[in-house]
N, C-alpha and C. Protein backbone atom coordinates (compact mmCIF):
# COMPACT_ATOMS: atom_id res chain seq x y z
N MET A 1 0.85 -1.20 0.00
CA MET A 1 0.00 0.00 0.00
C MET A 1 0.88 1.24 0.00
N ALA A 2 0.54 2.20 -0.86
CA ALA A 2 1.29 3.44 -0.94
C ALA A 2 1.19 4.20 0.37
N ASN A 3 2.18 5.08 0.59
CA ASN A 3 2.21 5.83 1.84
C ASN A 3 2.77 7.21 1.56
N TYR A 4 2.17 8.24 2.17
CA TYR A 4 2.65 9.60 2.00
C TYR A 4 4.02 9.75 2.67
N SER A 5 4.98 10.36 1.96
CA SER A 5 6.33 10.48 2.49
C SER A 5 6.82 11.92 2.53
N GLY A 6 5.92 12.88 2.34
CA GLY A 6 6.32 14.28 2.35
C GLY A 6 6.29 14.88 3.74
N PRO A 7 6.41 16.21 3.86
CA PRO A 7 6.39 16.87 5.16
C PRO A 7 5.02 16.72 5.82
N VAL A 8 5.01 16.53 7.15
CA VAL A 8 3.76 16.27 7.85
C VAL A 8 3.33 17.39 8.80
N CYS A 9 4.26 18.25 9.20
CA CYS A 9 3.89 19.33 10.12
C CYS A 9 2.84 20.26 9.50
N ARG A 10 2.83 20.36 8.19
CA ARG A 10 1.84 21.19 7.51
C ARG A 10 0.42 20.66 7.74
N PHE A 11 0.30 19.34 7.98
CA PHE A 11 -1.02 18.77 8.25
C PHE A 11 -1.57 19.28 9.58
N CYS A 12 -0.70 19.35 10.59
CA CYS A 12 -1.13 19.87 11.89
C CYS A 12 -1.57 21.32 11.76
N ARG A 13 -0.81 22.11 11.01
CA ARG A 13 -1.16 23.51 10.81
C ARG A 13 -2.47 23.64 10.04
N ARG A 14 -2.68 22.77 9.06
CA ARG A 14 -3.92 22.83 8.28
C ARG A 14 -5.13 22.50 9.13
N GLU A 15 -4.99 21.52 10.03
CA GLU A 15 -6.12 21.12 10.87
C GLU A 15 -6.23 21.98 12.13
N GLY A 16 -5.22 22.81 12.39
CA GLY A 16 -5.27 23.69 13.54
C GLY A 16 -5.17 22.96 14.87
N ALA A 17 -4.53 21.79 14.87
CA ALA A 17 -4.40 21.00 16.10
C ALA A 17 -3.18 20.09 15.99
N LYS A 18 -2.64 19.71 17.13
CA LYS A 18 -1.52 18.78 17.14
C LYS A 18 -2.02 17.38 16.78
N LEU A 19 -1.43 16.79 15.75
CA LEU A 19 -1.78 15.43 15.36
C LEU A 19 -0.71 14.44 15.81
N TYR A 20 0.35 14.95 16.42
CA TYR A 20 1.44 14.12 16.95
C TYR A 20 2.02 13.19 15.89
N LEU A 21 2.38 13.79 14.76
CA LEU A 21 2.91 13.04 13.63
C LEU A 21 4.44 12.96 13.64
N LYS A 22 5.09 13.75 14.53
CA LYS A 22 6.56 13.79 14.53
C LYS A 22 7.15 13.28 15.84
N GLY A 23 6.36 12.53 16.62
CA GLY A 23 6.90 11.96 17.85
C GLY A 23 7.29 12.99 18.88
N GLU A 24 8.52 12.90 19.39
CA GLU A 24 9.00 13.76 20.47
C GLU A 24 8.93 15.25 20.11
N ARG A 25 9.16 15.59 18.87
CA ARG A 25 9.18 16.99 18.44
C ARG A 25 7.86 17.69 18.78
N CYS A 26 6.76 16.94 18.75
CA CYS A 26 5.43 17.52 19.00
C CYS A 26 5.27 17.99 20.44
N TYR A 27 6.12 17.52 21.34
CA TYR A 27 6.03 17.90 22.75
C TYR A 27 7.02 19.01 23.11
N THR A 28 7.67 19.58 22.10
CA THR A 28 8.67 20.62 22.34
C THR A 28 8.24 21.94 21.69
N PRO A 29 8.91 23.05 22.02
CA PRO A 29 8.60 24.33 21.38
C PRO A 29 8.86 24.34 19.87
N LYS A 30 9.53 23.31 19.34
CA LYS A 30 9.79 23.24 17.91
C LYS A 30 8.57 22.81 17.12
N CYS A 31 7.53 22.38 17.80
CA CYS A 31 6.29 21.95 17.13
C CYS A 31 5.78 23.07 16.22
N ALA A 32 5.34 22.70 15.03
CA ALA A 32 4.90 23.70 14.04
C ALA A 32 3.72 24.52 14.55
N ILE A 33 2.82 23.90 15.31
CA ILE A 33 1.67 24.63 15.85
C ILE A 33 2.11 25.70 16.84
N GLU A 34 3.16 25.41 17.59
CA GLU A 34 3.68 26.37 18.56
C GLU A 34 4.33 27.56 17.86
N ARG A 35 4.95 27.32 16.72
CA ARG A 35 5.70 28.38 16.03
C ARG A 35 4.85 29.14 15.01
N ARG A 36 3.98 28.41 14.30
CA ARG A 36 3.16 29.05 13.26
C ARG A 36 1.75 28.48 13.32
N ALA A 37 0.95 29.04 14.17
CA ALA A 37 -0.41 28.51 14.40
C ALA A 37 -1.40 29.03 13.36
N PHE A 38 -1.07 28.83 12.09
CA PHE A 38 -1.99 29.18 11.02
C PHE A 38 -1.78 28.20 9.87
N ALA A 39 -2.75 28.12 8.99
CA ALA A 39 -2.69 27.16 7.90
C ALA A 39 -1.52 27.44 6.97
N PRO A 40 -0.94 26.41 6.33
CA PRO A 40 0.17 26.63 5.40
C PRO A 40 -0.31 27.29 4.12
N GLY A 41 0.63 27.83 3.36
CA GLY A 41 0.29 28.44 2.09
C GLY A 41 0.19 29.95 2.17
N MET A 42 0.12 30.60 1.01
CA MET A 42 0.15 32.05 0.95
C MET A 42 -1.11 32.69 1.55
N HIS A 43 -2.19 31.93 1.66
CA HIS A 43 -3.42 32.46 2.22
C HIS A 43 -3.67 31.96 3.64
N GLY A 44 -2.66 31.38 4.25
CA GLY A 44 -2.82 30.78 5.57
C GLY A 44 -3.23 31.75 6.66
N GLN A 45 -2.78 33.01 6.54
CA GLN A 45 -3.09 34.00 7.57
C GLN A 45 -4.25 34.91 7.18
N ALA A 46 -4.90 34.60 6.06
CA ALA A 46 -6.02 35.42 5.62
C ALA A 46 -7.20 35.27 6.58
N ARG A 47 -8.11 36.23 6.54
CA ARG A 47 -9.29 36.18 7.40
C ARG A 47 -10.12 34.95 7.06
N LYS A 48 -10.50 34.20 8.08
CA LYS A 48 -11.23 32.96 7.87
C LYS A 48 -12.71 33.24 7.58
N ARG A 49 -13.25 32.45 6.66
CA ARG A 49 -14.68 32.52 6.38
C ARG A 49 -15.41 31.43 7.16
N LYS A 50 -16.71 31.57 7.25
CA LYS A 50 -17.50 30.56 7.92
C LYS A 50 -17.44 29.25 7.13
N THR A 51 -17.16 28.15 7.82
CA THR A 51 -17.03 26.85 7.17
C THR A 51 -18.40 26.20 7.00
N SER A 52 -18.66 25.66 5.81
CA SER A 52 -19.93 25.00 5.53
C SER A 52 -19.99 23.63 6.22
N ASP A 53 -21.16 23.02 6.23
CA ASP A 53 -21.30 21.69 6.81
C ASP A 53 -20.41 20.69 6.07
N TYR A 54 -20.36 20.81 4.75
CA TYR A 54 -19.49 19.93 3.96
C TYR A 54 -18.03 20.14 4.36
N GLY A 55 -17.64 21.40 4.54
CA GLY A 55 -16.27 21.70 4.93
C GLY A 55 -15.91 21.09 6.27
N LEU A 56 -16.81 21.14 7.23
CA LEU A 56 -16.58 20.54 8.55
C LEU A 56 -16.42 19.03 8.44
N GLN A 57 -17.28 18.42 7.61
CA GLN A 57 -17.20 16.97 7.42
C GLN A 57 -15.90 16.57 6.74
N LEU A 58 -15.51 17.34 5.73
CA LEU A 58 -14.25 17.06 5.02
C LEU A 58 -13.06 17.18 5.94
N ARG A 59 -13.03 18.24 6.75
CA ARG A 59 -11.91 18.44 7.66
C ARG A 59 -11.83 17.31 8.69
N ALA A 60 -12.98 16.84 9.19
CA ALA A 60 -13.00 15.75 10.15
C ALA A 60 -12.44 14.48 9.53
N LYS A 61 -12.80 14.22 8.27
CA LYS A 61 -12.30 13.03 7.58
C LYS A 61 -10.81 13.13 7.32
N GLN A 62 -10.36 14.30 6.85
CA GLN A 62 -8.95 14.49 6.56
C GLN A 62 -8.10 14.40 7.84
N LYS A 63 -8.62 14.96 8.91
CA LYS A 63 -7.89 14.92 10.18
C LYS A 63 -7.68 13.49 10.65
N ALA A 64 -8.75 12.67 10.62
CA ALA A 64 -8.65 11.26 11.04
C ALA A 64 -7.70 10.50 10.14
N ARG A 65 -7.80 10.75 8.85
CA ARG A 65 -6.94 10.05 7.89
C ARG A 65 -5.47 10.35 8.14
N ARG A 66 -5.20 11.60 8.47
CA ARG A 66 -3.81 11.99 8.70
C ARG A 66 -3.29 11.51 10.05
N ILE A 67 -4.16 11.48 11.05
CA ILE A 67 -3.74 10.97 12.35
C ILE A 67 -3.26 9.53 12.23
N TYR A 68 -4.01 8.71 11.49
CA TYR A 68 -3.67 7.29 11.37
C TYR A 68 -2.75 7.00 10.19
N GLY A 69 -2.41 8.02 9.41
CA GLY A 69 -1.43 7.85 8.33
C GLY A 69 -1.91 7.03 7.15
N LEU A 70 -3.17 7.22 6.74
CA LEU A 70 -3.73 6.45 5.63
C LEU A 70 -4.03 7.33 4.43
N LEU A 71 -3.95 6.75 3.26
CA LEU A 71 -4.39 7.43 2.05
C LEU A 71 -5.89 7.23 1.88
N GLU A 72 -6.48 7.99 0.97
CA GLU A 72 -7.94 8.02 0.86
C GLU A 72 -8.57 6.67 0.56
N LYS A 73 -8.01 5.91 -0.37
CA LYS A 73 -8.63 4.64 -0.76
C LYS A 73 -8.68 3.66 0.40
N GLN A 74 -7.59 3.56 1.15
CA GLN A 74 -7.56 2.64 2.27
C GLN A 74 -8.52 3.09 3.37
N PHE A 75 -8.59 4.39 3.61
CA PHE A 75 -9.51 4.90 4.63
C PHE A 75 -10.95 4.63 4.24
N ARG A 76 -11.28 4.82 2.96
CA ARG A 76 -12.64 4.56 2.48
C ARG A 76 -12.98 3.07 2.59
N ASN A 77 -12.00 2.22 2.35
CA ASN A 77 -12.24 0.77 2.48
C ASN A 77 -12.59 0.41 3.92
N TYR A 78 -11.93 1.05 4.88
CA TYR A 78 -12.26 0.81 6.28
C TYR A 78 -13.68 1.28 6.59
N PHE A 79 -14.07 2.41 6.02
CA PHE A 79 -15.43 2.91 6.25
C PHE A 79 -16.46 1.96 5.66
N ASP A 80 -16.23 1.49 4.44
CA ASP A 80 -17.17 0.56 3.81
C ASP A 80 -17.31 -0.72 4.64
N GLN A 81 -16.20 -1.20 5.14
CA GLN A 81 -16.24 -2.40 5.97
C GLN A 81 -17.01 -2.14 7.27
N ALA A 82 -16.77 -0.98 7.88
CA ALA A 82 -17.44 -0.63 9.14
C ALA A 82 -18.94 -0.46 8.94
N SER A 83 -19.34 0.10 7.79
CA SER A 83 -20.76 0.34 7.54
C SER A 83 -21.53 -0.94 7.28
N ASN A 84 -20.83 -2.01 6.91
CA ASN A 84 -21.48 -3.30 6.64
C ASN A 84 -21.51 -4.20 7.87
N GLU A 85 -21.00 -3.71 9.00
CA GLU A 85 -20.99 -4.48 10.24
C GLU A 85 -22.10 -4.01 11.17
N PRO A 86 -22.59 -4.88 12.04
CA PRO A 86 -23.60 -4.45 13.02
C PRO A 86 -22.99 -3.46 14.02
N GLY A 87 -23.83 -2.58 14.56
CA GLY A 87 -23.34 -1.60 15.51
C GLY A 87 -23.25 -0.21 14.91
N VAL A 88 -22.61 0.68 15.64
CA VAL A 88 -22.47 2.07 15.21
C VAL A 88 -21.30 2.19 14.23
N THR A 89 -21.58 2.70 13.05
CA THR A 89 -20.57 2.75 11.99
C THR A 89 -19.31 3.51 12.41
N GLY A 90 -19.48 4.66 13.05
CA GLY A 90 -18.33 5.47 13.45
C GLY A 90 -17.43 4.74 14.43
N ILE A 91 -18.04 4.06 15.40
CA ILE A 91 -17.25 3.30 16.38
C ILE A 91 -16.57 2.12 15.72
N ASN A 92 -17.27 1.44 14.81
CA ASN A 92 -16.67 0.32 14.08
C ASN A 92 -15.45 0.79 13.30
N LEU A 93 -15.57 1.97 12.67
CA LEU A 93 -14.45 2.51 11.90
C LEU A 93 -13.25 2.76 12.78
N LEU A 94 -13.47 3.42 13.92
CA LEU A 94 -12.35 3.71 14.82
C LEU A 94 -11.72 2.44 15.36
N ARG A 95 -12.53 1.42 15.62
CA ARG A 95 -11.96 0.15 16.12
C ARG A 95 -11.04 -0.48 15.09
N HIS A 96 -11.45 -0.45 13.83
CA HIS A 96 -10.59 -0.99 12.77
C HIS A 96 -9.26 -0.24 12.73
N LEU A 97 -9.31 1.08 12.88
CA LEU A 97 -8.10 1.88 12.84
C LEU A 97 -7.22 1.64 14.06
N GLU A 98 -7.85 1.53 15.24
CA GLU A 98 -7.09 1.32 16.47
C GLU A 98 -6.44 -0.05 16.52
N LEU A 99 -7.07 -1.06 15.91
CA LEU A 99 -6.55 -2.42 15.98
C LEU A 99 -5.58 -2.76 14.86
N ARG A 100 -5.21 -1.77 14.07
CA ARG A 100 -4.13 -1.98 13.10
C ARG A 100 -2.83 -2.25 13.87
N LEU A 101 -1.98 -3.09 13.32
CA LEU A 101 -0.74 -3.45 14.00
C LEU A 101 0.14 -2.23 14.25
N ASP A 102 0.27 -1.34 13.26
CA ASP A 102 1.13 -0.17 13.46
C ASP A 102 0.59 0.74 14.56
N ASN A 103 -0.74 0.87 14.65
CA ASN A 103 -1.31 1.70 15.71
C ASN A 103 -1.11 1.08 17.08
N VAL A 104 -1.25 -0.24 17.19
CA VAL A 104 -1.04 -0.91 18.47
C VAL A 104 0.41 -0.76 18.92
N VAL A 105 1.34 -0.88 17.99
CA VAL A 105 2.76 -0.66 18.31
C VAL A 105 2.96 0.75 18.87
N TYR A 106 2.31 1.73 18.25
CA TYR A 106 2.39 3.11 18.72
C TYR A 106 1.75 3.25 20.10
N ARG A 107 0.59 2.67 20.29
CA ARG A 107 -0.12 2.76 21.57
C ARG A 107 0.67 2.12 22.72
N LEU A 108 1.43 1.09 22.41
CA LEU A 108 2.23 0.42 23.43
C LEU A 108 3.50 1.20 23.77
N GLY A 109 3.78 2.25 23.00
CA GLY A 109 4.97 3.05 23.25
C GLY A 109 6.21 2.53 22.56
N LEU A 110 6.03 1.56 21.63
CA LEU A 110 7.17 0.99 20.91
C LEU A 110 7.53 1.78 19.66
N GLY A 111 6.78 2.84 19.40
CA GLY A 111 7.07 3.75 18.31
C GLY A 111 6.78 5.17 18.77
N SER A 112 7.64 6.10 18.45
CA SER A 112 7.43 7.48 18.90
C SER A 112 6.31 8.16 18.13
N SER A 113 5.98 7.63 16.96
CA SER A 113 4.88 8.13 16.14
C SER A 113 4.32 6.95 15.37
N ARG A 114 3.14 7.12 14.79
CA ARG A 114 2.57 6.03 14.00
C ARG A 114 3.42 5.77 12.75
N LYS A 115 4.03 6.82 12.22
CA LYS A 115 4.89 6.63 11.05
C LYS A 115 6.10 5.78 11.39
N GLN A 116 6.71 6.04 12.54
CA GLN A 116 7.85 5.22 12.95
C GLN A 116 7.39 3.80 13.24
N ALA A 117 6.23 3.66 13.86
CA ALA A 117 5.70 2.32 14.16
C ALA A 117 5.49 1.53 12.87
N ARG A 118 4.96 2.19 11.84
CA ARG A 118 4.76 1.54 10.55
C ARG A 118 6.09 1.06 9.97
N GLN A 119 7.12 1.90 10.07
CA GLN A 119 8.43 1.54 9.55
C GLN A 119 9.02 0.35 10.29
N LEU A 120 8.87 0.34 11.62
CA LEU A 120 9.40 -0.77 12.42
C LEU A 120 8.70 -2.08 12.07
N VAL A 121 7.40 -1.99 11.79
CA VAL A 121 6.66 -3.20 11.41
C VAL A 121 7.15 -3.73 10.07
N THR A 122 7.28 -2.84 9.09
CA THR A 122 7.73 -3.28 7.76
C THR A 122 9.16 -3.79 7.77
N HIS A 123 9.94 -3.37 8.76
CA HIS A 123 11.33 -3.85 8.89
C HIS A 123 11.43 -5.13 9.70
N ARG A 124 10.26 -5.76 9.94
CA ARG A 124 10.20 -7.12 10.51
C ARG A 124 10.70 -7.17 11.96
N HIS A 125 10.28 -6.22 12.77
CA HIS A 125 10.70 -6.19 14.17
C HIS A 125 9.70 -6.84 15.12
N PHE A 126 8.53 -7.29 14.61
CA PHE A 126 7.49 -7.76 15.53
C PHE A 126 6.94 -9.13 15.15
N GLU A 127 6.58 -9.86 16.19
CA GLU A 127 5.88 -11.14 16.02
C GLU A 127 4.50 -11.02 16.65
N VAL A 128 3.52 -11.63 16.00
CA VAL A 128 2.16 -11.70 16.53
C VAL A 128 1.82 -13.16 16.74
N ASN A 129 1.55 -13.51 17.98
CA ASN A 129 1.26 -14.91 18.34
C ASN A 129 2.37 -15.85 17.87
N GLY A 130 3.61 -15.37 17.98
CA GLY A 130 4.77 -16.20 17.65
C GLY A 130 5.15 -16.21 16.18
N LYS A 131 4.41 -15.50 15.33
CA LYS A 131 4.71 -15.47 13.90
C LYS A 131 5.11 -14.06 13.47
N LEU A 132 6.13 -13.98 12.65
CA LEU A 132 6.59 -12.69 12.16
C LEU A 132 5.54 -12.05 11.27
N VAL A 133 5.21 -10.79 11.54
CA VAL A 133 4.24 -10.04 10.72
C VAL A 133 4.87 -8.71 10.33
N ASN A 134 4.88 -8.41 9.05
CA ASN A 134 5.47 -7.15 8.59
C ASN A 134 4.47 -6.33 7.78
N VAL A 135 3.18 -6.51 8.07
CA VAL A 135 2.11 -5.77 7.39
C VAL A 135 1.50 -4.77 8.37
N PRO A 136 1.72 -3.45 8.19
CA PRO A 136 1.22 -2.46 9.15
C PRO A 136 -0.28 -2.50 9.35
N SER A 137 -1.04 -2.88 8.31
CA SER A 137 -2.50 -2.87 8.39
C SER A 137 -3.06 -4.16 8.99
N TYR A 138 -2.20 -5.07 9.40
CA TYR A 138 -2.67 -6.34 9.97
C TYR A 138 -3.62 -6.06 11.14
N GLN A 139 -4.80 -6.68 11.10
CA GLN A 139 -5.82 -6.44 12.12
C GLN A 139 -5.65 -7.40 13.30
N LEU A 140 -5.42 -6.82 14.47
CA LEU A 140 -5.31 -7.61 15.69
C LEU A 140 -6.69 -7.78 16.31
N LYS A 141 -6.82 -8.74 17.22
CA LYS A 141 -8.08 -9.00 17.90
C LYS A 141 -7.80 -9.36 19.35
N PRO A 142 -8.81 -9.29 20.21
CA PRO A 142 -8.61 -9.63 21.63
C PRO A 142 -7.97 -11.00 21.79
N GLY A 143 -6.94 -11.07 22.64
CA GLY A 143 -6.22 -12.31 22.88
C GLY A 143 -4.91 -12.40 22.13
N ASP A 144 -4.74 -11.59 21.08
CA ASP A 144 -3.48 -11.61 20.31
C ASP A 144 -2.35 -11.03 21.15
N GLU A 145 -1.17 -11.62 21.00
CA GLU A 145 0.03 -11.16 21.70
C GLU A 145 1.07 -10.67 20.72
N LEU A 146 1.64 -9.53 21.02
CA LEU A 146 2.64 -8.90 20.16
C LEU A 146 3.95 -8.85 20.92
N LYS A 147 5.05 -9.16 20.23
CA LYS A 147 6.34 -9.16 20.89
C LYS A 147 7.42 -8.65 19.95
N VAL A 148 8.38 -7.91 20.53
CA VAL A 148 9.52 -7.44 19.74
C VAL A 148 10.40 -8.64 19.41
N LYS A 149 10.76 -8.76 18.14
CA LYS A 149 11.60 -9.86 17.68
C LYS A 149 13.06 -9.53 17.97
N GLY A 150 13.71 -10.38 18.80
CA GLY A 150 15.10 -10.14 19.15
C GLY A 150 15.22 -9.00 20.14
N SER A 151 16.40 -8.44 20.27
CA SER A 151 16.63 -7.32 21.19
C SER A 151 17.33 -6.20 20.43
N ASP A 152 16.72 -5.03 20.49
CA ASP A 152 17.25 -3.88 19.77
C ASP A 152 17.22 -2.68 20.70
N GLY A 153 18.36 -2.03 20.87
CA GLY A 153 18.45 -0.90 21.78
C GLY A 153 17.58 0.27 21.41
N VAL A 154 17.15 0.33 20.14
CA VAL A 154 16.32 1.46 19.72
C VAL A 154 15.02 1.50 20.50
N PHE A 155 14.51 0.34 20.92
CA PHE A 155 13.25 0.31 21.64
C PHE A 155 13.38 0.86 23.06
N ASP A 156 14.55 0.72 23.65
CA ASP A 156 14.76 1.30 24.98
C ASP A 156 14.67 2.82 24.92
N VAL A 157 15.24 3.39 23.86
CA VAL A 157 15.19 4.84 23.69
C VAL A 157 13.75 5.30 23.43
N VAL A 158 13.05 4.57 22.56
CA VAL A 158 11.68 4.93 22.22
C VAL A 158 10.76 4.82 23.43
N LEU A 159 10.91 3.76 24.20
CA LEU A 159 10.07 3.55 25.38
C LEU A 159 10.26 4.67 26.39
N GLU A 160 11.49 5.11 26.55
CA GLU A 160 11.77 6.20 27.49
C GLU A 160 11.08 7.48 27.04
N ALA A 161 11.13 7.74 25.73
CA ALA A 161 10.52 8.95 25.19
C ALA A 161 9.00 8.86 25.17
N SER A 162 8.45 7.64 25.18
CA SER A 162 7.00 7.46 25.06
C SER A 162 6.29 7.45 26.41
N LYS A 163 7.00 7.69 27.48
CA LYS A 163 6.38 7.65 28.81
C LYS A 163 5.32 8.72 28.99
N VAL A 164 5.34 9.75 28.14
CA VAL A 164 4.32 10.80 28.24
C VAL A 164 2.96 10.30 27.75
N ARG A 165 2.94 9.15 27.08
CA ARG A 165 1.69 8.57 26.58
C ARG A 165 1.36 7.29 27.35
N PRO A 166 0.32 7.30 28.18
CA PRO A 166 -0.04 6.09 28.92
C PRO A 166 -0.59 5.02 28.00
N VAL A 167 -0.35 3.76 28.33
CA VAL A 167 -0.90 2.64 27.56
C VAL A 167 -2.39 2.54 27.87
N PRO A 168 -3.26 2.50 26.85
CA PRO A 168 -4.71 2.44 27.12
C PRO A 168 -5.11 1.14 27.81
N ALA A 169 -6.29 1.17 28.45
CA ALA A 169 -6.74 0.05 29.27
C ALA A 169 -7.02 -1.22 28.47
N TRP A 170 -7.26 -1.11 27.16
CA TRP A 170 -7.56 -2.30 26.37
C TRP A 170 -6.29 -3.04 25.94
N LEU A 171 -5.13 -2.52 26.36
CA LEU A 171 -3.85 -3.17 26.09
C LEU A 171 -3.10 -3.40 27.39
N SER A 172 -2.28 -4.43 27.40
CA SER A 172 -1.34 -4.63 28.50
C SER A 172 0.06 -4.70 27.92
N PHE A 173 1.05 -4.25 28.69
CA PHE A 173 2.42 -4.20 28.17
C PHE A 173 3.41 -4.63 29.23
N ASN A 174 4.30 -5.53 28.85
CA ASN A 174 5.38 -6.00 29.71
C ASN A 174 6.66 -5.33 29.24
N THR A 175 7.15 -4.38 30.03
CA THR A 175 8.32 -3.60 29.62
C THR A 175 9.56 -4.47 29.50
N ASP A 176 9.76 -5.39 30.44
CA ASP A 176 10.97 -6.22 30.42
C ASP A 176 11.01 -7.12 29.19
N ALA A 177 9.87 -7.74 28.88
CA ALA A 177 9.82 -8.66 27.73
C ALA A 177 9.54 -7.93 26.43
N LYS A 178 9.20 -6.63 26.51
CA LYS A 178 8.82 -5.84 25.34
C LYS A 178 7.72 -6.57 24.55
N SER A 179 6.68 -6.92 25.27
CA SER A 179 5.56 -7.62 24.65
C SER A 179 4.25 -7.01 25.13
N GLY A 180 3.23 -7.11 24.31
CA GLY A 180 1.93 -6.58 24.66
C GLY A 180 0.83 -7.55 24.29
N LYS A 181 -0.36 -7.32 24.83
CA LYS A 181 -1.49 -8.19 24.56
C LYS A 181 -2.76 -7.36 24.40
N ILE A 182 -3.61 -7.78 23.47
CA ILE A 182 -4.90 -7.13 23.27
C ILE A 182 -5.88 -7.74 24.28
N LEU A 183 -6.31 -6.95 25.25
CA LEU A 183 -7.18 -7.46 26.30
C LEU A 183 -8.65 -7.44 25.89
N ALA A 184 -9.05 -6.45 25.10
CA ALA A 184 -10.45 -6.32 24.70
C ALA A 184 -10.53 -5.36 23.52
N ARG A 185 -11.69 -5.29 22.92
CA ARG A 185 -11.89 -4.29 21.88
C ARG A 185 -11.99 -2.92 22.55
N PRO A 186 -11.35 -1.91 21.97
CA PRO A 186 -11.37 -0.58 22.62
C PRO A 186 -12.75 0.05 22.59
N GLU A 187 -13.11 0.73 23.68
CA GLU A 187 -14.34 1.51 23.74
C GLU A 187 -14.04 2.93 23.28
N ARG A 188 -15.08 3.70 23.00
CA ARG A 188 -14.88 5.02 22.41
C ARG A 188 -13.99 5.91 23.27
N HIS A 189 -14.15 5.92 24.58
CA HIS A 189 -13.35 6.80 25.43
C HIS A 189 -11.89 6.36 25.51
N GLU A 190 -11.59 5.17 24.99
CA GLU A 190 -10.21 4.66 25.01
C GLU A 190 -9.52 4.85 23.66
N MET A 191 -10.22 5.43 22.71
CA MET A 191 -9.67 5.62 21.37
C MET A 191 -9.27 7.08 21.15
N GLU A 192 -8.85 7.40 19.95
CA GLU A 192 -8.33 8.74 19.63
C GLU A 192 -9.38 9.81 19.95
N PRO A 193 -9.08 10.72 20.87
CA PRO A 193 -10.09 11.72 21.26
C PRO A 193 -10.31 12.82 20.24
N GLY A 194 -9.37 13.05 19.35
CA GLY A 194 -9.48 14.16 18.42
C GLY A 194 -10.27 13.86 17.16
N VAL A 195 -10.84 12.66 17.06
CA VAL A 195 -11.57 12.27 15.85
C VAL A 195 -13.07 12.46 16.05
N GLU A 196 -13.71 13.13 15.10
CA GLU A 196 -15.17 13.32 15.12
C GLU A 196 -15.79 12.33 14.14
N GLU A 197 -16.02 11.12 14.61
CA GLU A 197 -16.46 10.03 13.72
C GLU A 197 -17.82 10.27 13.09
N GLN A 198 -18.71 10.98 13.79
CA GLN A 198 -20.04 11.21 13.23
C GLN A 198 -19.98 12.08 11.99
N LEU A 199 -19.08 13.07 11.99
CA LEU A 199 -18.91 13.91 10.81
C LEU A 199 -18.33 13.11 9.64
N ILE A 200 -17.49 12.13 9.95
CA ILE A 200 -16.92 11.27 8.90
C ILE A 200 -18.03 10.43 8.27
N VAL A 201 -18.90 9.88 9.11
CA VAL A 201 -20.03 9.09 8.61
C VAL A 201 -20.92 9.97 7.73
N GLU A 202 -21.17 11.19 8.16
CA GLU A 202 -22.01 12.11 7.36
C GLU A 202 -21.34 12.44 6.04
N PHE A 203 -20.01 12.58 6.04
CA PHE A 203 -19.29 12.90 4.81
C PHE A 203 -19.46 11.79 3.78
N TYR A 204 -19.28 10.54 4.18
CA TYR A 204 -19.37 9.43 3.23
C TYR A 204 -20.80 9.02 2.95
N SER A 205 -21.76 9.54 3.71
CA SER A 205 -23.17 9.18 3.51
C SER A 205 -23.91 10.21 2.65
N ARG A 206 -23.19 11.20 2.13
CA ARG A 206 -23.86 12.22 1.33
C ARG A 206 -24.51 11.62 0.07
C-alpha cells in the first residue's frame, strides 16, 4: 500500500491541532503549531470565512486520515467495511483503525509516532502470536500477543521517550519482555479523542 512520504507538520497547521505526527518533536517548542499557528500556504493567515457543513465533514475526515497515516482509498475501504458491520458505523471505523498493527505498536509506546511504528513493522521487528508479521495494516483482535523480535536498543530509547503517553486500558504491556497483549476491543473513550467520527459518517453518507 502506498504511503505519504512528504512533510507532515503542515497537516497539523492545516487542521489547527496537534496530530502528533513527529513523535517527540510535537512535545517541544519546535512543534509547528507552537511556532506558526496558522494554515500553510500564501493564504494561511487570511481572514477565515464561515465553514460550511461539507467543509466541517471534510476536515473531520482528513484529520482522522492523517492521524492514522492512511491514504484516501484505504480509509474509504475501512469505512465501507465498518458500515457493513452491526453496531455504530463510526465506532466500528475507529476500532478498525485502532486495531491496526502499526497503531497498536504506537499505543504500546514501541514507536514514537505512527509513522515510525509503521516503519518498524515493515522492517520485521514484531511477532504476533509467535509469527513474524510485517504488514502495518494487519488487524489484531482480543487475545493476540505482540512481541519485539530479538533485542534492539532502539526500543529502549523509544520507550523512554514514550512515557508521556499512557498505555490504554484495552492493552497490557510487559516492559521487560517488550511484549503486549490485546485485552479487549477498545471503547470510544479509550480511542483517539481528536476524531469526530459522526462527521466522517455524514461525509461518506452524502
